[in-house]
Amino acid sequence: MVSAGQLAAFAVASLVLIVIPGPGVLFVIGRALAHGRRTALASAAGHAAGNGGVAVCVALGVGTLVERSQDVFTVVRLAGAAYLIWLGIQAFRRRGSLADVLNGAAEPRGDVRAAREGLTVGLTNPKAVILFAAVLPQFVDRTAGHVPAQMLILSALSVAIGLASDSCYGLAASVVRAWFARSPRRLGLVGGLGGLAMIGLGVTLALTGRKD
């Protein structure tokens, strides 16, 4: 149904778009800096699931509406931005508790909660909408039929690439976090920077595409 050429071409296109830091990548990095490797990987898994949800919606036709309607796209973008800002504020307010987490005096962020937050970011990530609603259809062979099935297969490949990329970013950021954690003075800084990064990302996302 889907040729090897289609898979290879879309894999390359997806890789180019995915490795460029966007809302998902910066979100995972922020989670890694604020809470560590395990939370970052759970967030990456949730983000991948959210992207998969976007892909399914696109395959069923919802993505076309988002792509063509500026109002719908704006709602999705602002919802994602608001959620990122809220998470960033929470991370910044709780930056003082990071030392307790690293020292085992407090429980790390739950994996299920981290995955749920990643899911929300993935579902409201405009970059995923652009990838699946604007780029993906160009790699579908409409003459072969079963267009929704083709789109699901191709998007599954893209989601897998995204999961691998986000996980690598998260692991790299967690290594930097571990280096900071060697000094007690750096602990609050790590949590604060992670929160500020997400707040800045949310603000940037909210302003992206704004027409004066």
N, C-alpha and C. Protein backbone atom coordinates (compact mmCIF):
# COMPACT_ATOMS: atom_id res chain seq x y z
N MET A 1 0.83 -1.20 0.00
CA MET A 1 0.00 0.00 0.00
C MET A 1 0.87 1.26 0.00
N VAL A 2 1.87 1.28 0.88
CA VAL A 2 2.82 2.39 0.94
C VAL A 2 4.17 1.89 0.46
N SER A 3 4.71 2.52 -0.56
CA SER A 3 5.98 2.07 -1.13
C SER A 3 7.16 2.45 -0.25
N ALA A 4 8.28 1.78 -0.49
CA ALA A 4 9.50 2.09 0.24
C ALA A 4 9.96 3.51 -0.05
N GLY A 5 9.74 3.95 -1.30
CA GLY A 5 10.12 5.31 -1.66
C GLY A 5 9.33 6.34 -0.88
N GLN A 6 8.03 6.10 -0.71
CA GLN A 6 7.21 7.01 0.10
C GLN A 6 7.72 7.08 1.53
N LEU A 7 7.99 5.91 2.10
CA LEU A 7 8.47 5.85 3.48
C LEU A 7 9.79 6.60 3.66
N ALA A 8 10.71 6.36 2.72
CA ALA A 8 12.03 6.99 2.82
C ALA A 8 11.92 8.50 2.66
N ALA A 9 11.15 8.94 1.68
CA ALA A 9 11.02 10.37 1.43
C ALA A 9 10.37 11.10 2.61
N PHE A 10 9.30 10.51 3.14
CA PHE A 10 8.63 11.17 4.26
C PHE A 10 9.47 11.09 5.53
N ALA A 11 10.24 10.02 5.68
CA ALA A 11 11.12 9.91 6.85
C ALA A 11 12.15 11.03 6.85
N VAL A 12 12.71 11.32 5.69
CA VAL A 12 13.70 12.40 5.58
C VAL A 12 13.05 13.75 5.88
N ALA A 13 11.87 13.98 5.30
CA ALA A 13 11.17 15.24 5.53
C ALA A 13 10.81 15.41 6.99
N SER A 14 10.34 14.33 7.61
CA SER A 14 9.97 14.38 9.02
C SER A 14 11.18 14.66 9.89
N LEU A 15 12.29 13.99 9.58
CA LEU A 15 13.50 14.17 10.38
C LEU A 15 13.96 15.62 10.36
N VAL A 16 13.93 16.21 9.18
CA VAL A 16 14.37 17.61 9.05
C VAL A 16 13.50 18.53 9.91
N LEU A 17 12.19 18.31 9.88
CA LEU A 17 11.28 19.15 10.65
C LEU A 17 11.34 18.86 12.14
N ILE A 18 11.53 17.59 12.50
CA ILE A 18 11.46 17.18 13.90
C ILE A 18 12.69 17.61 14.69
N VAL A 19 13.88 17.45 14.09
CA VAL A 19 15.10 17.74 14.84
C VAL A 19 15.28 19.23 15.11
N ILE A 20 14.61 20.08 14.33
CA ILE A 20 14.65 21.52 14.60
C ILE A 20 13.83 21.77 15.86
N PRO A 21 14.44 22.33 16.93
CA PRO A 21 13.72 22.52 18.19
C PRO A 21 12.44 23.31 18.01
N GLY A 22 11.36 22.72 18.47
CA GLY A 22 10.06 23.37 18.44
C GLY A 22 9.41 23.23 19.81
N PRO A 23 8.11 23.45 19.92
CA PRO A 23 7.43 23.36 21.21
C PRO A 23 7.65 22.04 21.93
N GLY A 24 7.56 20.92 21.20
CA GLY A 24 7.73 19.61 21.83
C GLY A 24 9.13 19.40 22.36
N VAL A 25 10.13 19.72 21.56
CA VAL A 25 11.53 19.54 21.96
C VAL A 25 11.86 20.40 23.17
N LEU A 26 11.48 21.66 23.12
CA LEU A 26 11.78 22.56 24.23
C LEU A 26 11.01 22.17 25.48
N PHE A 27 9.82 21.62 25.31
CA PHE A 27 9.05 21.15 26.45
C PHE A 27 9.78 19.99 27.14
N VAL A 28 10.24 19.03 26.36
CA VAL A 28 10.95 17.88 26.93
C VAL A 28 12.25 18.33 27.61
N ILE A 29 12.96 19.26 26.97
CA ILE A 29 14.19 19.78 27.58
C ILE A 29 13.88 20.46 28.91
N GLY A 30 12.81 21.24 28.94
CA GLY A 30 12.41 21.89 30.18
C GLY A 30 12.07 20.89 31.27
N ARG A 31 11.38 19.81 30.90
CA ARG A 31 11.05 18.76 31.87
C ARG A 31 12.31 18.08 32.38
N ALA A 32 13.28 17.86 31.49
CA ALA A 32 14.54 17.22 31.89
C ALA A 32 15.30 18.09 32.87
N LEU A 33 15.36 19.40 32.60
CA LEU A 33 16.08 20.31 33.48
C LEU A 33 15.39 20.44 34.84
N ALA A 34 14.08 20.43 34.82
CA ALA A 34 13.34 20.64 36.06
C ALA A 34 13.19 19.37 36.89
N HIS A 35 13.08 18.21 36.24
CA HIS A 35 12.75 16.98 36.98
C HIS A 35 13.63 15.78 36.66
N GLY A 36 14.44 15.83 35.65
CA GLY A 36 15.35 14.73 35.39
C GLY A 36 14.97 13.83 34.23
N ARG A 37 15.81 12.79 34.04
CA ARG A 37 15.71 11.92 32.88
C ARG A 37 14.39 11.16 32.80
N ARG A 38 13.96 10.57 33.91
CA ARG A 38 12.76 9.73 33.88
C ARG A 38 11.53 10.54 33.48
N THR A 39 11.40 11.72 34.06
CA THR A 39 10.27 12.58 33.71
C THR A 39 10.36 13.03 32.26
N ALA A 40 11.58 13.33 31.81
CA ALA A 40 11.75 13.76 30.42
C ALA A 40 11.32 12.66 29.45
N LEU A 41 11.69 11.42 29.74
CA LEU A 41 11.32 10.31 28.86
C LEU A 41 9.81 10.06 28.89
N ALA A 42 9.20 10.19 30.07
CA ALA A 42 7.75 10.04 30.16
C ALA A 42 7.05 11.16 29.39
N SER A 43 7.59 12.36 29.48
CA SER A 43 7.03 13.50 28.75
C SER A 43 7.17 13.29 27.24
N ALA A 44 8.32 12.73 26.83
CA ALA A 44 8.54 12.45 25.41
C ALA A 44 7.55 11.42 24.90
N ALA A 45 7.28 10.40 25.73
CA ALA A 45 6.32 9.37 25.34
C ALA A 45 4.91 9.97 25.21
N GLY A 46 4.54 10.82 26.17
CA GLY A 46 3.23 11.46 26.09
C GLY A 46 3.13 12.39 24.90
N HIS A 47 4.22 13.11 24.63
CA HIS A 47 4.23 14.01 23.48
C HIS A 47 4.07 13.23 22.18
N ALA A 48 4.72 12.08 22.08
CA ALA A 48 4.58 11.23 20.89
C ALA A 48 3.15 10.74 20.73
N ALA A 49 2.53 10.38 21.85
CA ALA A 49 1.13 9.94 21.79
C ALA A 49 0.23 11.08 21.33
N GLY A 50 0.51 12.30 21.81
CA GLY A 50 -0.27 13.45 21.37
C GLY A 50 -0.11 13.72 19.89
N ASN A 51 1.13 13.60 19.40
CA ASN A 51 1.36 13.76 17.96
C ASN A 51 0.62 12.69 17.17
N GLY A 52 0.59 11.48 17.73
CA GLY A 52 -0.16 10.42 17.08
C GLY A 52 -1.64 10.74 17.00
N GLY A 53 -2.15 11.37 18.06
CA GLY A 53 -3.56 11.78 18.04
C GLY A 53 -3.83 12.82 16.97
N VAL A 54 -2.90 13.76 16.81
CA VAL A 54 -3.04 14.76 15.75
C VAL A 54 -3.05 14.07 14.39
N ALA A 55 -2.16 13.10 14.23
CA ALA A 55 -2.07 12.38 12.95
C ALA A 55 -3.37 11.66 12.63
N VAL A 56 -3.98 11.05 13.64
CA VAL A 56 -5.26 10.35 13.43
C VAL A 56 -6.33 11.34 13.01
N CYS A 57 -6.35 12.51 13.69
CA CYS A 57 -7.34 13.53 13.33
C CYS A 57 -7.16 14.00 11.90
N VAL A 58 -5.89 14.16 11.50
CA VAL A 58 -5.61 14.58 10.13
C VAL A 58 -6.11 13.52 9.16
N ALA A 59 -5.82 12.27 9.46
CA ALA A 59 -6.25 11.18 8.58
C ALA A 59 -7.76 11.13 8.45
N LEU A 60 -8.46 11.55 9.47
CA LEU A 60 -9.92 11.53 9.45
C LEU A 60 -10.52 12.83 8.93
N GLY A 61 -9.67 13.77 8.58
CA GLY A 61 -10.15 15.00 7.97
C GLY A 61 -10.16 16.23 8.83
N VAL A 62 -9.95 16.07 10.15
CA VAL A 62 -9.98 17.23 11.04
C VAL A 62 -8.79 18.15 10.77
N GLY A 63 -7.66 17.56 10.46
CA GLY A 63 -6.47 18.35 10.21
C GLY A 63 -6.65 19.32 9.06
N THR A 64 -7.42 18.93 8.06
CA THR A 64 -7.67 19.81 6.93
C THR A 64 -8.39 21.08 7.37
N LEU A 65 -9.35 20.91 8.29
CA LEU A 65 -10.07 22.06 8.82
C LEU A 65 -9.13 22.99 9.57
N VAL A 66 -8.23 22.41 10.38
CA VAL A 66 -7.28 23.22 11.14
C VAL A 66 -6.34 23.95 10.21
N GLU A 67 -5.91 23.26 9.15
CA GLU A 67 -4.98 23.86 8.21
C GLU A 67 -5.59 25.04 7.47
N ARG A 68 -6.85 24.91 7.10
CA ARG A 68 -7.49 25.92 6.26
C ARG A 68 -8.15 27.04 7.06
N SER A 69 -8.48 26.78 8.31
CA SER A 69 -9.16 27.79 9.11
C SER A 69 -8.17 28.47 10.04
N GLN A 70 -7.95 29.75 9.82
CA GLN A 70 -7.04 30.52 10.66
C GLN A 70 -7.57 30.59 12.10
N ASP A 71 -8.89 30.66 12.26
CA ASP A 71 -9.48 30.74 13.59
C ASP A 71 -9.22 29.47 14.39
N VAL A 72 -9.43 28.32 13.75
CA VAL A 72 -9.20 27.05 14.44
C VAL A 72 -7.72 26.89 14.78
N PHE A 73 -6.86 27.25 13.83
CA PHE A 73 -5.42 27.15 14.06
C PHE A 73 -5.00 28.05 15.23
N THR A 74 -5.58 29.23 15.30
CA THR A 74 -5.25 30.17 16.37
C THR A 74 -5.69 29.62 17.73
N VAL A 75 -6.85 28.99 17.78
CA VAL A 75 -7.33 28.40 19.03
C VAL A 75 -6.37 27.31 19.50
N VAL A 76 -5.95 26.44 18.58
CA VAL A 76 -5.02 25.37 18.93
C VAL A 76 -3.70 25.95 19.43
N ARG A 77 -3.20 26.95 18.73
CA ARG A 77 -1.91 27.56 19.08
C ARG A 77 -1.97 28.23 20.45
N LEU A 78 -3.02 28.99 20.71
CA LEU A 78 -3.13 29.69 21.98
C LEU A 78 -3.38 28.74 23.14
N ALA A 79 -4.13 27.66 22.88
CA ALA A 79 -4.37 26.67 23.94
C ALA A 79 -3.05 26.01 24.35
N GLY A 80 -2.25 25.65 23.36
CA GLY A 80 -0.96 25.05 23.67
C GLY A 80 -0.04 26.02 24.38
N ALA A 81 -0.05 27.28 23.95
CA ALA A 81 0.80 28.30 24.57
C ALA A 81 0.41 28.52 26.03
N ALA A 82 -0.90 28.61 26.28
CA ALA A 82 -1.37 28.83 27.65
C ALA A 82 -0.98 27.67 28.56
N TYR A 83 -1.07 26.46 28.04
CA TYR A 83 -0.72 25.28 28.84
C TYR A 83 0.76 25.27 29.17
N LEU A 84 1.60 25.60 28.19
CA LEU A 84 3.04 25.65 28.43
C LEU A 84 3.40 26.72 29.46
N ILE A 85 2.77 27.88 29.37
CA ILE A 85 3.03 28.95 30.33
C ILE A 85 2.63 28.51 31.73
N TRP A 86 1.50 27.84 31.85
CA TRP A 86 1.04 27.36 33.16
C TRP A 86 2.02 26.36 33.75
N LEU A 87 2.50 25.42 32.92
CA LEU A 87 3.48 24.45 33.40
C LEU A 87 4.78 25.14 33.81
N GLY A 88 5.19 26.14 33.03
CA GLY A 88 6.41 26.87 33.35
C GLY A 88 6.31 27.60 34.67
N ILE A 89 5.15 28.22 34.92
CA ILE A 89 4.93 28.92 36.18
C ILE A 89 4.99 27.95 37.35
N GLN A 90 4.37 26.79 37.19
CA GLN A 90 4.40 25.78 38.25
C GLN A 90 5.82 25.31 38.53
N ALA A 91 6.60 25.08 37.46
CA ALA A 91 7.98 24.62 37.63
C ALA A 91 8.82 25.69 38.32
N PHE A 92 8.60 26.96 37.96
CA PHE A 92 9.36 28.05 38.57
C PHE A 92 9.01 28.21 40.04
N ARG A 93 7.74 28.11 40.37
CA ARG A 93 7.32 28.26 41.76
C ARG A 93 7.85 27.15 42.64
N ARG A 94 8.04 25.96 42.05
CA ARG A 94 8.49 24.81 42.84
C ARG A 94 9.98 24.54 42.68
N ARG A 95 10.72 25.51 42.18
CA ARG A 95 12.14 25.28 41.93
C ARG A 95 12.92 24.97 43.21
N GLY A 96 12.44 25.51 44.36
CA GLY A 96 13.13 25.27 45.62
C GLY A 96 13.05 23.84 46.08
N SER A 97 12.07 23.07 45.58
CA SER A 97 11.91 21.68 46.00
C SER A 97 12.76 20.72 45.18
N LEU A 98 13.49 21.24 44.22
CA LEU A 98 14.29 20.37 43.35
C LEU A 98 15.38 19.65 44.13
N ALA A 99 15.97 20.32 45.11
CA ALA A 99 17.02 19.68 45.91
C ALA A 99 16.49 18.46 46.64
N ASP A 100 15.27 18.58 47.18
CA ASP A 100 14.67 17.44 47.89
C ASP A 100 14.43 16.27 46.96
N VAL A 101 14.01 16.57 45.72
CA VAL A 101 13.77 15.51 44.75
C VAL A 101 15.07 14.78 44.42
N LEU A 102 16.13 15.55 44.17
CA LEU A 102 17.41 14.94 43.81
C LEU A 102 18.02 14.18 44.97
N ASN A 103 17.75 14.61 46.20
CA ASN A 103 18.33 13.96 47.36
C ASN A 103 17.46 12.83 47.90
N GLY A 104 16.32 12.59 47.24
CA GLY A 104 15.46 11.49 47.64
C GLY A 104 14.52 11.83 48.77
N ALA A 105 14.45 13.10 49.17
CA ALA A 105 13.57 13.50 50.27
C ALA A 105 12.14 13.73 49.79
N ALA A 106 11.97 13.82 48.51
CA ALA A 106 10.63 14.01 47.95
C ALA A 106 10.49 13.13 46.72
N GLU A 107 9.28 12.77 46.43
CA GLU A 107 9.02 11.90 45.29
C GLU A 107 9.17 12.68 43.99
N PRO A 108 9.83 12.12 42.97
CA PRO A 108 9.91 12.79 41.67
C PRO A 108 8.52 12.88 41.04
N ARG A 109 8.42 13.68 40.02
CA ARG A 109 7.15 13.83 39.31
C ARG A 109 6.71 12.48 38.77
N GLY A 110 5.42 12.13 38.98
CA GLY A 110 4.93 10.84 38.54
C GLY A 110 5.01 10.67 37.04
N ASP A 111 5.32 9.45 36.61
CA ASP A 111 5.45 9.18 35.19
C ASP A 111 4.13 9.40 34.45
N VAL A 112 3.03 8.97 35.08
CA VAL A 112 1.73 9.11 34.44
C VAL A 112 1.38 10.59 34.25
N ARG A 113 1.65 11.37 35.27
CA ARG A 113 1.36 12.81 35.17
C ARG A 113 2.22 13.46 34.11
N ALA A 114 3.50 13.11 34.08
CA ALA A 114 4.41 13.68 33.08
C ALA A 114 3.96 13.30 31.68
N ALA A 115 3.55 12.04 31.51
CA ALA A 115 3.09 11.59 30.20
C ALA A 115 1.81 12.31 29.80
N ARG A 116 0.93 12.55 30.78
CA ARG A 116 -0.32 13.26 30.49
C ARG A 116 -0.06 14.69 30.06
N GLU A 117 0.89 15.35 30.72
CA GLU A 117 1.24 16.71 30.33
C GLU A 117 1.85 16.73 28.93
N GLY A 118 2.71 15.74 28.64
CA GLY A 118 3.29 15.64 27.30
C GLY A 118 2.23 15.40 26.25
N LEU A 119 1.23 14.61 26.60
CA LEU A 119 0.12 14.34 25.68
C LEU A 119 -0.60 15.62 25.30
N THR A 120 -0.87 16.46 26.30
CA THR A 120 -1.56 17.73 26.04
C THR A 120 -0.74 18.63 25.13
N VAL A 121 0.56 18.71 25.41
CA VAL A 121 1.44 19.53 24.56
C VAL A 121 1.45 18.99 23.13
N GLY A 122 1.52 17.67 22.99
CA GLY A 122 1.54 17.06 21.66
C GLY A 122 0.26 17.31 20.89
N LEU A 123 -0.86 17.25 21.57
CA LEU A 123 -2.15 17.45 20.91
C LEU A 123 -2.35 18.91 20.47
N THR A 124 -1.71 19.84 21.16
CA THR A 124 -1.90 21.26 20.85
C THR A 124 -0.67 21.87 20.18
N ASN A 125 0.22 21.03 19.68
CA ASN A 125 1.46 21.50 19.06
C ASN A 125 1.21 21.87 17.59
N PRO A 126 1.23 23.15 17.25
CA PRO A 126 1.00 23.56 15.86
C PRO A 126 2.00 22.95 14.89
N LYS A 127 3.21 22.66 15.37
CA LYS A 127 4.21 22.06 14.50
C LYS A 127 3.75 20.70 14.01
N ALA A 128 3.07 19.95 14.88
CA ALA A 128 2.54 18.65 14.48
C ALA A 128 1.42 18.82 13.46
N VAL A 129 0.60 19.85 13.66
CA VAL A 129 -0.48 20.12 12.71
C VAL A 129 0.10 20.44 11.34
N ILE A 130 1.16 21.26 11.32
CA ILE A 130 1.79 21.62 10.05
C ILE A 130 2.37 20.38 9.38
N LEU A 131 3.05 19.55 10.19
CA LEU A 131 3.68 18.35 9.62
C LEU A 131 2.65 17.40 9.02
N PHE A 132 1.60 17.11 9.78
CA PHE A 132 0.64 16.11 9.33
C PHE A 132 -0.44 16.64 8.40
N ALA A 133 -0.78 17.93 8.53
CA ALA A 133 -1.84 18.48 7.69
C ALA A 133 -1.32 19.11 6.41
N ALA A 134 -0.09 19.63 6.43
CA ALA A 134 0.44 20.32 5.26
C ALA A 134 1.51 19.53 4.53
N VAL A 135 2.35 18.81 5.26
CA VAL A 135 3.46 18.09 4.64
C VAL A 135 3.07 16.65 4.28
N LEU A 136 2.46 15.96 5.22
CA LEU A 136 2.13 14.55 5.01
C LEU A 136 1.33 14.26 3.74
N PRO A 137 0.27 15.03 3.43
CA PRO A 137 -0.52 14.72 2.23
C PRO A 137 0.29 14.72 0.93
N GLN A 138 1.41 15.43 0.92
CA GLN A 138 2.23 15.49 -0.29
C GLN A 138 2.93 14.17 -0.59
N PHE A 139 2.99 13.29 0.40
CA PHE A 139 3.68 12.01 0.23
C PHE A 139 2.70 10.85 0.08
N VAL A 140 1.44 11.17 -0.07
CA VAL A 140 0.41 10.14 -0.24
C VAL A 140 0.16 9.92 -1.72
N ASP A 141 0.08 8.66 -2.13
CA ASP A 141 -0.24 8.29 -3.50
C ASP A 141 -1.74 8.08 -3.60
N ARG A 142 -2.45 9.12 -4.03
CA ARG A 142 -3.91 9.05 -4.07
C ARG A 142 -4.42 8.03 -5.09
N THR A 143 -3.62 7.75 -6.12
CA THR A 143 -4.04 6.78 -7.13
C THR A 143 -4.02 5.36 -6.58
N ALA A 144 -3.30 5.14 -5.48
CA ALA A 144 -3.22 3.80 -4.89
C ALA A 144 -4.40 3.51 -3.98
N GLY A 145 -5.20 4.53 -3.67
CA GLY A 145 -6.35 4.33 -2.81
C GLY A 145 -5.97 4.22 -1.34
N HIS A 146 -7.01 4.01 -0.51
CA HIS A 146 -6.81 3.86 0.94
C HIS A 146 -5.97 5.01 1.50
N VAL A 147 -6.34 6.23 1.14
CA VAL A 147 -5.56 7.40 1.55
C VAL A 147 -5.45 7.52 3.07
N PRO A 148 -6.54 7.37 3.84
CA PRO A 148 -6.41 7.46 5.30
C PRO A 148 -5.43 6.43 5.86
N ALA A 149 -5.46 5.23 5.32
CA ALA A 149 -4.53 4.19 5.79
C ALA A 149 -3.09 4.56 5.46
N GLN A 150 -2.86 5.09 4.28
CA GLN A 150 -1.51 5.54 3.91
C GLN A 150 -1.02 6.62 4.88
N MET A 151 -1.90 7.55 5.19
CA MET A 151 -1.52 8.65 6.07
C MET A 151 -1.20 8.15 7.47
N LEU A 152 -1.95 7.15 7.93
CA LEU A 152 -1.70 6.60 9.26
C LEU A 152 -0.36 5.88 9.31
N ILE A 153 -0.04 5.14 8.25
CA ILE A 153 1.23 4.41 8.21
C ILE A 153 2.40 5.39 8.19
N LEU A 154 2.31 6.39 7.33
CA LEU A 154 3.39 7.38 7.24
C LEU A 154 3.53 8.18 8.53
N SER A 155 2.40 8.54 9.12
CA SER A 155 2.46 9.32 10.35
C SER A 155 3.03 8.51 11.51
N ALA A 156 2.77 7.19 11.51
CA ALA A 156 3.33 6.33 12.55
C ALA A 156 4.85 6.36 12.49
N LEU A 157 5.40 6.37 11.28
CA LEU A 157 6.85 6.47 11.11
C LEU A 157 7.35 7.79 11.66
N SER A 158 6.64 8.87 11.37
CA SER A 158 7.05 10.18 11.85
C SER A 158 6.98 10.27 13.37
N VAL A 159 5.94 9.70 13.96
CA VAL A 159 5.81 9.71 15.42
C VAL A 159 6.97 8.96 16.07
N ALA A 160 7.37 7.83 15.46
CA ALA A 160 8.49 7.06 16.00
C ALA A 160 9.79 7.87 15.93
N ILE A 161 9.99 8.58 14.83
CA ILE A 161 11.18 9.43 14.70
C ILE A 161 11.14 10.54 15.74
N GLY A 162 9.96 11.12 15.94
CA GLY A 162 9.82 12.18 16.93
C GLY A 162 10.11 11.69 18.34
N LEU A 163 9.64 10.49 18.67
CA LEU A 163 9.89 9.92 19.99
C LEU A 163 11.38 9.73 20.22
N ALA A 164 12.07 9.20 19.22
CA ALA A 164 13.51 8.99 19.33
C ALA A 164 14.24 10.32 19.50
N SER A 165 13.84 11.32 18.71
CA SER A 165 14.49 12.63 18.78
C SER A 165 14.25 13.30 20.12
N ASP A 166 12.99 13.31 20.59
CA ASP A 166 12.68 13.92 21.88
C ASP A 166 13.42 13.23 23.02
N SER A 167 13.51 11.90 22.94
CA SER A 167 14.20 11.15 23.99
C SER A 167 15.67 11.51 24.04
N CYS A 168 16.29 11.65 22.87
CA CYS A 168 17.71 12.04 22.82
C CYS A 168 17.92 13.42 23.41
N TYR A 169 17.02 14.35 23.06
CA TYR A 169 17.12 15.70 23.62
C TYR A 169 16.96 15.65 25.14
N GLY A 170 15.99 14.86 25.61
CA GLY A 170 15.74 14.76 27.04
C GLY A 170 16.92 14.15 27.78
N LEU A 171 17.51 13.11 27.22
CA LEU A 171 18.66 12.47 27.85
C LEU A 171 19.85 13.43 27.92
N ALA A 172 20.07 14.16 26.84
CA ALA A 172 21.18 15.12 26.82
C ALA A 172 20.96 16.22 27.86
N ALA A 173 19.73 16.72 27.96
CA ALA A 173 19.44 17.76 28.94
C ALA A 173 19.57 17.24 30.36
N SER A 174 19.20 15.98 30.58
CA SER A 174 19.31 15.42 31.93
C SER A 174 20.77 15.28 32.36
N VAL A 175 21.66 15.07 31.39
CA VAL A 175 23.09 15.01 31.71
C VAL A 175 23.58 16.38 32.18
N VAL A 176 23.14 17.42 31.49
CA VAL A 176 23.50 18.78 31.90
C VAL A 176 22.94 19.07 33.29
N ARG A 177 21.72 18.62 33.53
CA ARG A 177 21.08 18.82 34.83
C ARG A 177 21.89 18.13 35.92
N ALA A 178 22.36 16.91 35.67
CA ALA A 178 23.15 16.20 36.67
C ALA A 178 24.42 16.97 37.01
N TRP A 179 25.01 17.61 36.00
CA TRP A 179 26.22 18.41 36.25
C TRP A 179 25.91 19.58 37.15
N PHE A 180 24.78 20.26 36.90
CA PHE A 180 24.38 21.36 37.74
C PHE A 180 24.10 20.89 39.17
N ALA A 181 23.53 19.69 39.29
CA ALA A 181 23.09 19.20 40.59
C ALA A 181 24.25 18.92 41.54
N ARG A 182 25.48 18.90 41.06
CA ARG A 182 26.61 18.64 41.94
C ARG A 182 26.85 19.76 42.93
N SER A 183 26.29 20.92 42.64
CA SER A 183 26.41 22.06 43.54
C SER A 183 25.03 22.45 44.05
N PRO A 184 24.83 22.51 45.37
CA PRO A 184 23.53 22.88 45.92
C PRO A 184 23.02 24.22 45.40
N ARG A 185 23.93 25.15 45.10
CA ARG A 185 23.51 26.46 44.62
C ARG A 185 22.89 26.40 43.24
N ARG A 186 23.18 25.33 42.51
CA ARG A 186 22.67 25.24 41.15
C ARG A 186 21.28 24.62 41.08
N LEU A 187 20.84 23.98 42.16
CA LEU A 187 19.59 23.23 42.11
C LEU A 187 18.38 24.11 41.80
N GLY A 188 18.24 25.21 42.54
CA GLY A 188 17.14 26.12 42.28
C GLY A 188 17.24 26.75 40.91
N LEU A 189 18.48 27.01 40.47
CA LEU A 189 18.69 27.60 39.15
C LEU A 189 18.18 26.69 38.05
N VAL A 190 18.43 25.38 38.21
CA VAL A 190 17.99 24.42 37.20
C VAL A 190 16.47 24.42 37.07
N GLY A 191 15.77 24.31 38.20
CA GLY A 191 14.31 24.31 38.15
C GLY A 191 13.76 25.62 37.62
N GLY A 192 14.39 26.73 38.05
CA GLY A 192 13.92 28.03 37.57
C GLY A 192 14.12 28.21 36.09
N LEU A 193 15.28 27.79 35.58
CA LEU A 193 15.55 27.92 34.15
C LEU A 193 14.60 27.05 33.34
N GLY A 194 14.33 25.84 33.84
CA GLY A 194 13.39 24.97 33.13
C GLY A 194 12.01 25.60 33.04
N GLY A 195 11.56 26.21 34.15
CA GLY A 195 10.27 26.88 34.15
C GLY A 195 10.24 28.08 33.25
N LEU A 196 11.30 28.90 33.33
CA LEU A 196 11.37 30.10 32.49
C LEU A 196 11.43 29.73 31.01
N ALA A 197 12.11 28.61 30.69
CA ALA A 197 12.20 28.18 29.30
C ALA A 197 10.81 27.86 28.76
N MET A 198 9.99 27.19 29.57
CA MET A 198 8.64 26.85 29.13
C MET A 198 7.75 28.08 29.04
N ILE A 199 7.93 29.01 29.98
CA ILE A 199 7.16 30.26 29.91
C ILE A 199 7.51 31.04 28.65
N GLY A 200 8.82 31.16 28.38
CA GLY A 200 9.26 31.86 27.18
C GLY A 200 8.76 31.18 25.92
N LEU A 201 8.77 29.84 25.94
CA LEU A 201 8.27 29.10 24.79
C LEU A 201 6.79 29.36 24.58
N GLY A 202 6.04 29.35 25.69
CA GLY A 202 4.60 29.60 25.58
C GLY A 202 4.29 30.97 25.03
N VAL A 203 5.02 31.99 25.51
CA VAL A 203 4.82 33.35 25.02
C VAL A 203 5.16 33.45 23.53
N THR A 204 6.30 32.83 23.15
CA THR A 204 6.71 32.85 21.75
C THR A 204 5.67 32.16 20.87
N LEU A 205 5.16 31.04 21.35
CA LEU A 205 4.16 30.29 20.59
C LEU A 205 2.89 31.11 20.44
N ALA A 206 2.52 31.83 21.49
CA ALA A 206 1.31 32.65 21.42
C ALA A 206 1.43 33.78 20.42
N LEU A 207 2.66 34.30 20.26
CA LEU A 207 2.88 35.42 19.36
C LEU A 207 3.19 34.99 17.94
N THR A 208 3.48 33.71 17.74
CA THR A 208 3.83 33.22 16.41
C THR A 208 2.63 33.35 15.47
N GLY A 209 2.88 33.93 14.34
CA GLY A 209 1.80 34.05 13.35
C GLY A 209 0.87 35.21 13.61
N ARG A 210 1.19 36.01 14.61
CA ARG A 210 0.32 37.15 14.92
C ARG A 210 0.38 38.18 13.80
N LYS A 211 -0.75 38.69 13.45
CA LYS A 211 -0.83 39.72 12.40
C LYS A 211 -1.10 41.08 13.03
N ASP A 212 -0.22 42.01 12.74
CA ASP A 212 -0.40 43.35 13.30
C ASP A 212 -1.40 44.15 12.46
